[in-house]
Amino acid sequence: MPAISMFYGIIISMFFEIKEKHHLPHIHIRYQNYRASLAIEDATLLAGELPVRQLRMVQVWVDLHREELLADWEIVKAGGELFRIDPLK
């Protein structure tokens, strides 16, 4: 999974597989032993789990970078190489 951003031990990735159900633009998050997926549009938790603090940090980051995330989603759907996005500071 290509990482598009990393901050505070959180790794944000994005990928698209035609054979999978990827109707909703989303990101994948890894933090320690946790895994989760969040919708880009409203930063809701789609699957998995994260500690509350890390979930909130990722939701804030998504709010700050929504346009860039949606642009990356279109790129990954077309099979292109993703752009890295600034971490949460």
Protein backbone atom coordinates (compact mmCIF):
# COMPACT_ATOMS: atom_id res chain seq x y z
CA MET A 1 0.00 0.00 0.00
CA PRO A 2 1.53 3.32 -1.00
CA ALA A 3 1.83 5.63 2.01
CA ILE A 4 0.70 9.16 1.24
CA SER A 5 1.39 10.64 4.68
CA MET A 6 2.81 9.74 8.09
CA PHE A 7 2.52 11.55 11.41
CA TYR A 8 2.69 10.62 15.11
CA GLY A 9 3.17 6.95 14.28
CA ILE A 10 0.11 6.93 12.00
CA ILE A 11 0.54 5.76 8.40
CA ILE A 12 -2.04 6.86 5.81
CA SER A 13 -2.30 4.84 2.60
CA MET A 14 -4.51 4.71 -0.45
CA PHE A 15 -4.99 2.04 -3.08
CA PHE A 16 -7.63 1.01 -5.59
CA GLU A 17 -8.32 -2.48 -6.89
CA ILE A 18 -10.93 -2.88 -9.58
CA LYS A 19 -12.00 -6.29 -8.30
CA GLU A 20 -12.73 -4.89 -4.82
CA LYS A 21 -15.74 -2.80 -3.83
CA HIS A 22 -14.26 0.69 -3.78
CA HIS A 23 -17.29 2.81 -4.53
CA LEU A 24 -16.58 5.34 -1.80
CA PRO A 25 -13.34 7.36 -1.79
CA HIS A 26 -11.44 6.35 1.35
CA ILE A 27 -8.06 6.01 3.01
CA HIS A 28 -6.45 3.22 4.99
CA ILE A 29 -4.86 3.91 8.35
CA ARG A 30 -2.31 1.88 10.27
CA TYR A 31 -1.27 2.68 13.82
CA GLN A 32 0.63 0.12 15.90
CA ASN A 33 -1.58 -3.02 15.72
CA TYR A 34 -4.68 -1.09 14.60
CA ARG A 35 -6.09 -0.93 11.07
CA ALA A 36 -8.98 1.19 9.83
CA SER A 37 -10.56 2.79 6.77
CA LEU A 38 -12.07 6.28 6.72
CA ALA A 39 -14.30 7.94 4.14
CA ILE A 40 -12.66 10.99 2.58
CA GLU A 41 -15.93 12.89 2.13
CA ASP A 42 -16.87 13.13 5.82
CA ALA A 43 -14.02 11.35 7.67
CA THR A 44 -16.34 8.68 9.08
CA LEU A 45 -14.93 5.34 10.17
CA LEU A 46 -15.86 2.71 7.56
CA ALA A 47 -14.08 -0.33 8.96
CA GLY A 48 -11.62 -1.38 11.62
CA GLU A 49 -10.69 0.58 14.71
CA LEU A 50 -8.24 3.13 16.05
CA PRO A 51 -7.69 4.59 19.51
CA VAL A 52 -9.94 7.64 19.95
CA ARG A 53 -7.07 10.14 20.00
CA GLN A 54 -5.51 8.84 16.77
CA LEU A 55 -8.91 8.61 15.07
CA ARG A 56 -9.60 12.25 15.90
CA MET A 57 -6.16 13.32 14.60
CA VAL A 58 -6.77 11.53 11.30
CA GLN A 59 -10.26 13.06 11.02
CA VAL A 60 -8.81 16.56 11.49
CA TRP A 61 -6.10 15.77 8.93
CA VAL A 62 -8.74 14.58 6.43
CA ASP A 63 -10.72 17.79 6.97
CA LEU A 64 -7.59 19.86 6.26
CA HIS A 65 -6.57 17.89 3.15
CA ARG A 66 -9.88 16.74 1.63
CA GLU A 67 -9.28 18.30 -1.80
CA GLU A 68 -5.80 16.75 -2.08
CA LEU A 69 -7.16 13.37 -0.95
CA LEU A 70 -9.93 13.45 -3.54
CA ALA A 71 -7.40 14.39 -6.23
CA ASP A 72 -5.21 11.43 -5.16
CA TRP A 73 -8.29 9.17 -5.27
CA GLU A 74 -8.89 10.11 -8.92
CA ILE A 75 -5.21 9.51 -9.71
CA VAL A 76 -5.16 6.08 -8.05
CA LYS A 77 -8.37 5.07 -9.88
CA ALA A 78 -6.64 5.88 -13.16
CA GLY A 79 -3.60 3.84 -12.14
CA GLY A 80 -1.32 6.82 -11.59
CA GLU A 81 1.27 7.51 -8.93
CA LEU A 82 -0.03 9.22 -5.80
CA PHE A 83 1.17 12.54 -4.45
CA ARG A 84 2.36 12.70 -0.85
CA ILE A 85 0.30 14.93 1.43
CA ASP A 86 1.72 17.02 4.27
CA PRO A 87 1.44 15.43 7.72
CA LEU A 88 -0.53 16.84 10.61
CA LYS A 89 1.63 19.32 12.50
